[in-house]
Every structure is written in structure tokens, then in C-alpha cells.
Amino acid sequence: MPDTADKLNLMALVLVVEDEPEIAEILEGYLRRDGYRTERAADGRSALNLYRAAKPDLILLDIQIPELDGLEVLRRVRSDGNTPVIMVTARAEDLDKLLGLELGADDYITKPFSPREVVARVKAVLRRAHPSEGPKPVLRAGLLEVDLEQVVARVDGVRLELTPTEFRLLETLARSPGRAFSRAELLEAAHPDSDALERVVDVHMKNLRKKLEAAGVPNLLETVRGVGYRLWVPT
């Protein structure tokens, strides 16, 4: 019997933003075969209009689209909320990938790709956004509270606006305050089904640190030279 996360996946609406009709049709076909609902946009402006009207559970977003490119669409989506976004790029340069992740993408896929791989990535990102049933504790580290039931993080009672990837990273760190996690460990926690580079963790941590600093806890996230990161909570 599917758990809560699987049920949510089966009902999830995926917005496919792709200007090549053949690729879009293939992606939609594979997604629908796996039980997802889909909407399609062929340019950036249409994508934003559909995003606001349909409120998708996840956006599969090509970088090279007309009107507004994918990175600009991602920036505007992130200014509105934390809908999971998977970037799709035909360019292999790390700069594109890192820039997309810095703006708040949850994963990326490089063309050419296997449609089955895309569906697997979609499922993985949605499962991270909607964890399965079972006991879900509230993790605490100083003023930080990570509520695994509601999938919400708060600092001194004030909610942090985090992407699914940022929440997963913060959850991992909050499970063992004071422990230094390597970038490889954090990458596995945030992107277990991805081929992302370890240094993308630095990009996510940069964004996470900014949000923690804005919430009034500037020294909570600590860089451990030569290792990675930890939550540092003075005793």
C-alpha cells in the first residue's frame, strides 16, 4: 500500500516548461503514465501565468526558453514561494547549474536525459517535500525549531521560508547539533538521486545562512574548514 508521500505523488500536478514540443510531449507522457497530472508551457511568460493559476506541486523548468528564460522564471517563482523546481539545461557548464541552484532550484537535469530519470527525480523531490508517514519529532537547536510533521522551520517562533532542499539540509544538521557534516553527506541528504557536484552544497548553505542571519541567528550555521558544516549551539 502506498504511503502518504506516494499518494501525494500520484495526485501531484507538474508544470512542464519546455519549448520543444516533442520533448514536452514525451515528458508529459511519462509523467502521466506514472500517475501525475501535467500542465505545459512553451515560454517563460506562459509558465508564470500557469504557475500562478494552476499552483503546481512541482515545476520542471528548461533554462533556454523564449520570452523569459528559465532562470528569470525561477527567480520570480522563488519571490512568490517555495514550490519545488527542477531545472533542465542543454548546457553542461557548471555556472548555469550553480546559478540555478543559488536562485533556489531543488535539482537539475542535463540534456540529453532519459525520461525515466526525469520521472525518478520528480518523485524524489516530491518525496522530500512531503515525507512519508511515521513519528515526526520536532528538532531543536537553541532558538531553532525544525518541525518534521509540518515541514516547517522556525527561529524563536518565526517561520523561515525555505525551499525543500534547504529544509532537508537544515533537518540533517539539526538532527545532530555540533556534529560536522561533510559536503558529501549533506549532498546525499539533499540530493540522494542527483549527480550534482558537492560544491552545490556551498550554494545552498550560503542561502540558508542568509535566511538564518535575517531571522536573528547569525552564528548558528558554522563552516568547518576542510570538512563541511555544522549547527553550532553554545552550551
Protein backbone atom coordinates (compact mmCIF):
# COMPACT_ATOMS: atom_id res chain seq x y z
CA MET A 1 0.00 0.00 0.00
CA PRO A 2 1.50 3.40 -0.94
CA ASP A 3 2.44 5.70 1.93
CA THR A 4 1.35 9.33 2.23
CA ALA A 5 4.22 10.59 0.09
CA ASP A 6 3.39 8.15 -2.72
CA LYS A 7 -0.28 9.14 -2.62
CA LEU A 8 0.69 12.79 -2.86
CA ASN A 9 2.96 11.98 -5.80
CA LEU A 10 0.10 10.27 -7.63
CA MET A 11 -2.06 13.36 -7.25
CA ALA A 12 0.70 15.89 -7.88
CA LEU A 13 0.48 18.47 -10.65
CA VAL A 14 3.73 19.00 -12.58
CA LEU A 15 4.18 22.09 -14.74
CA VAL A 16 6.41 21.17 -17.70
CA VAL A 17 8.12 24.26 -19.12
CA GLU A 18 9.72 23.24 -22.42
CA ASP A 19 9.70 24.97 -25.81
CA GLU A 20 10.47 21.83 -27.84
CA PRO A 21 7.06 20.16 -28.42
CA GLU A 22 8.42 16.64 -28.94
CA ILE A 23 10.39 16.71 -25.68
CA ALA A 24 7.45 18.20 -23.80
CA GLU A 25 5.09 15.51 -25.12
CA ILE A 26 7.46 12.73 -24.12
CA LEU A 27 7.91 14.14 -20.63
CA GLU A 28 4.17 14.61 -20.15
CA GLY A 29 3.52 11.09 -21.40
CA TYR A 30 5.94 9.50 -18.94
CA LEU A 31 4.70 11.65 -16.05
CA ARG A 32 1.05 10.86 -16.73
CA ARG A 33 1.82 7.17 -17.06
CA ASP A 34 3.21 7.33 -13.52
CA GLY A 35 0.04 8.98 -12.23
CA TYR A 36 0.99 12.65 -12.29
CA ARG A 37 -1.18 15.41 -13.68
CA THR A 38 0.56 17.84 -16.03
CA GLU A 39 0.32 21.32 -17.48
CA ARG A 40 2.61 22.62 -20.21
CA ALA A 41 4.10 26.00 -21.07
CA ALA A 42 6.40 26.77 -24.00
CA ASP A 43 7.76 30.14 -22.85
CA GLY A 44 8.59 31.96 -19.66
CA ARG A 45 5.60 34.30 -19.52
CA SER A 46 3.14 31.48 -20.12
CA ALA A 47 4.94 29.45 -17.45
CA LEU A 48 4.49 32.20 -14.85
CA ASN A 49 0.83 32.63 -15.76
CA LEU A 50 0.23 28.87 -15.41
CA TYR A 51 2.22 28.74 -12.19
CA ARG A 52 0.01 31.40 -10.63
CA ALA A 53 -3.25 29.98 -11.99
CA ALA A 54 -2.69 26.23 -11.57
CA LYS A 55 -0.47 26.26 -8.44
CA PRO A 56 1.58 23.18 -9.46
CA ASP A 57 3.23 20.91 -6.91
CA LEU A 58 6.48 20.94 -8.90
CA ILE A 59 7.92 22.78 -11.91
CA LEU A 60 10.13 21.06 -14.48
CA LEU A 61 11.82 24.12 -15.94
CA ASP A 62 14.05 24.34 -19.01
CA ILE A 63 16.63 27.13 -18.85
CA GLN A 64 16.60 28.02 -22.56
CA ILE A 65 13.03 29.11 -23.25
CA PRO A 66 11.74 32.22 -25.06
CA GLU A 67 10.18 35.38 -23.59
CA LEU A 68 11.73 34.97 -20.13
CA ASP A 69 14.49 32.42 -19.66
CA GLY A 70 14.24 29.68 -17.07
CA LEU A 71 16.49 31.40 -14.53
CA GLU A 72 14.33 34.51 -14.57
CA VAL A 73 11.21 32.36 -14.20
CA LEU A 74 12.84 30.59 -11.25
CA ARG A 75 13.72 33.92 -9.63
CA ARG A 76 10.11 35.11 -9.87
CA VAL A 77 8.73 31.78 -8.62
CA ARG A 78 11.07 31.96 -5.64
CA SER A 79 9.94 35.51 -4.88
CA ASP A 80 6.41 34.11 -4.51
CA GLY A 81 7.05 30.90 -2.61
CA ASN A 82 8.83 27.57 -2.28
CA THR A 83 7.30 25.37 -4.99
CA PRO A 84 9.88 22.64 -5.81
CA VAL A 85 11.72 23.33 -9.09
CA ILE A 86 13.90 21.02 -11.17
CA MET A 87 15.99 22.86 -13.76
CA VAL A 88 16.65 21.34 -17.19
CA THR A 89 19.62 22.54 -19.22
CA ALA A 90 21.26 21.61 -22.51
CA ARG A 91 24.43 23.40 -21.43
CA ALA A 92 26.84 21.43 -19.30
CA GLU A 93 28.63 24.43 -17.80
CA ASP A 94 28.59 24.29 -14.02
CA LEU A 95 27.87 28.04 -13.90
CA ASP A 96 24.35 27.53 -15.23
CA LYS A 97 23.68 24.77 -12.72
CA LEU A 98 25.14 26.64 -9.77
CA LEU A 99 23.32 29.84 -10.66
CA GLY A 100 20.04 27.96 -10.87
CA LEU A 101 20.65 26.33 -7.50
CA GLU A 102 21.67 29.65 -5.95
CA LEU A 103 18.32 31.08 -7.01
CA GLY A 104 16.62 28.20 -5.23
CA ALA A 105 16.31 25.23 -7.60
CA ASP A 106 15.94 21.86 -5.89
CA ASP A 107 17.73 19.79 -8.53
CA TYR A 108 18.92 19.94 -12.13
CA ILE A 109 18.98 17.60 -15.13
CA THR A 110 21.25 17.94 -18.16
CA LYS A 111 20.09 17.13 -21.71
CA PRO A 112 20.10 14.60 -23.23
CA PHE A 113 18.30 12.73 -20.49
CA SER A 114 16.25 9.60 -20.00
CA PRO A 115 12.53 10.37 -19.43
CA ARG A 116 12.57 7.66 -16.76
CA GLU A 117 15.35 9.52 -14.96
CA VAL A 118 13.30 12.71 -15.05
CA VAL A 119 10.29 10.95 -13.51
CA ALA A 120 12.54 9.45 -10.83
CA ARG A 121 13.92 12.91 -9.99
CA VAL A 122 10.40 14.36 -9.84
CA LYS A 123 9.33 11.60 -7.47
CA ALA A 124 12.42 12.08 -5.28
CA VAL A 125 11.97 15.85 -4.95
CA LEU A 126 8.27 15.50 -4.15
CA ARG A 127 9.00 12.83 -1.55
CA ARG A 128 11.48 15.18 0.11
CA ALA A 129 8.84 17.91 0.12
CA HIS A 130 6.21 15.52 1.55
CA PRO A 131 7.89 12.98 3.85
CA SER A 132 6.19 9.63 4.46
CA GLU A 133 4.08 8.67 7.47
CA GLY A 134 5.60 7.78 10.81
CA PRO A 135 6.70 9.52 14.01
CA LYS A 136 7.91 13.00 13.18
CA PRO A 137 9.71 14.77 16.01
CA VAL A 138 10.37 18.46 16.45
CA LEU A 139 14.13 19.06 16.36
CA ARG A 140 15.51 21.91 18.46
CA ALA A 141 18.87 23.64 18.49
CA GLY A 142 18.94 26.85 20.51
CA LEU A 143 16.29 29.17 19.09
CA LEU A 144 15.88 26.96 16.03
CA GLU A 145 12.94 24.57 15.79
CA VAL A 146 12.59 22.11 12.88
CA ASP A 147 9.08 20.62 12.79
CA LEU A 148 9.19 17.43 10.71
CA GLU A 149 5.42 16.94 10.97
CA GLN A 150 4.55 20.28 9.42
CA VAL A 151 7.78 20.50 7.39
CA VAL A 152 8.41 23.95 8.81
CA ALA A 153 11.45 25.55 10.45
CA ARG A 154 11.16 28.42 12.91
CA VAL A 155 13.54 30.69 14.77
CA ASP A 156 12.15 31.91 18.09
CA GLY A 157 8.66 31.09 16.80
CA VAL A 158 9.05 32.92 13.47
CA ARG A 159 8.77 30.75 10.36
CA LEU A 160 11.65 30.53 7.90
CA GLU A 161 10.74 30.49 4.21
CA LEU A 162 12.85 27.57 2.99
CA THR A 163 12.95 25.57 -0.23
CA PRO A 164 12.53 21.78 0.16
CA THR A 165 16.28 21.34 -0.33
CA GLU A 166 17.15 23.95 2.28
CA PHE A 167 14.74 22.33 4.73
CA ARG A 168 16.29 18.91 4.19
CA LEU A 169 19.78 20.29 4.79
CA LEU A 170 18.69 22.09 7.94
CA GLU A 171 16.90 18.96 9.15
CA THR A 172 20.06 16.90 8.65
CA LEU A 173 22.18 19.37 10.62
CA ALA A 174 19.57 19.77 13.36
CA ARG A 175 19.42 16.03 13.98
CA SER A 176 22.98 16.21 15.34
CA PRO A 177 23.80 19.74 16.58
CA GLY A 178 27.54 20.23 16.95
CA ARG A 179 28.45 17.43 14.58
CA ALA A 180 30.45 18.39 11.48
CA PHE A 181 28.86 17.00 8.31
CA SER A 182 30.92 16.63 5.15
CA ARG A 183 29.68 18.10 1.90
CA ALA A 184 29.22 14.56 0.56
CA GLU A 185 26.95 13.67 3.48
CA LEU A 186 24.89 16.82 3.03
CA LEU A 187 24.67 16.30 -0.73
CA GLU A 188 23.36 12.78 -0.14
CA ALA A 189 20.75 14.15 2.26
CA ALA A 190 19.64 16.93 -0.06
CA HIS A 191 20.02 15.28 -3.48
CA PRO A 192 20.14 11.48 -2.98
CA ASP A 193 19.16 10.75 -6.58
CA SER A 194 21.12 13.52 -8.25
CA ASP A 195 24.51 13.77 -9.94
CA ALA A 196 25.00 17.27 -8.54
CA LEU A 197 28.51 18.37 -7.62
CA GLU A 198 29.49 18.59 -3.96
CA ARG A 199 30.12 22.31 -4.20
CA VAL A 200 26.44 22.99 -4.85
CA VAL A 201 26.08 22.35 -1.12
CA ASP A 202 28.03 25.60 -0.58
CA VAL A 203 25.47 27.46 -2.66
CA HIS A 204 22.54 26.11 -0.65
CA MET A 205 24.36 26.81 2.61
CA LYS A 206 25.02 30.37 1.52
CA ASN A 207 21.29 30.88 1.00
CA LEU A 208 20.43 29.11 4.23
CA ARG A 209 22.93 31.19 6.22
CA LYS A 210 21.38 34.41 4.85
CA LYS A 211 17.93 33.31 6.00
CA LEU A 212 19.18 32.33 9.44
CA GLU A 213 21.04 35.64 9.79
CA ALA A 214 17.91 37.55 8.77
CA ALA A 215 15.99 35.61 11.43
CA GLY A 216 18.42 36.73 14.12
CA VAL A 217 20.73 33.73 14.50
CA PRO A 218 23.84 34.75 12.50
CA ASN A 219 26.23 32.27 14.13
CA LEU A 220 24.06 29.15 14.08
CA LEU A 221 25.43 27.73 10.83
CA GLU A 222 29.20 27.24 11.01
CA THR A 223 31.64 26.33 8.25
CA VAL A 224 34.12 23.65 9.33
CA ARG A 225 37.28 24.23 7.32
CA GLY A 226 38.26 21.22 5.21
CA VAL A 227 35.17 19.27 6.23
CA GLY A 228 31.79 20.92 5.66
CA TYR A 229 29.21 22.42 8.01
CA ARG A 230 27.56 22.07 11.39
CA LEU A 231 24.97 23.73 13.60
CA TRP A 232 26.87 25.34 16.43
CA VAL A 233 24.76 25.79 19.57
CA PRO A 234 26.72 27.18 22.56
CA THR A 235 26.03 25.30 25.79
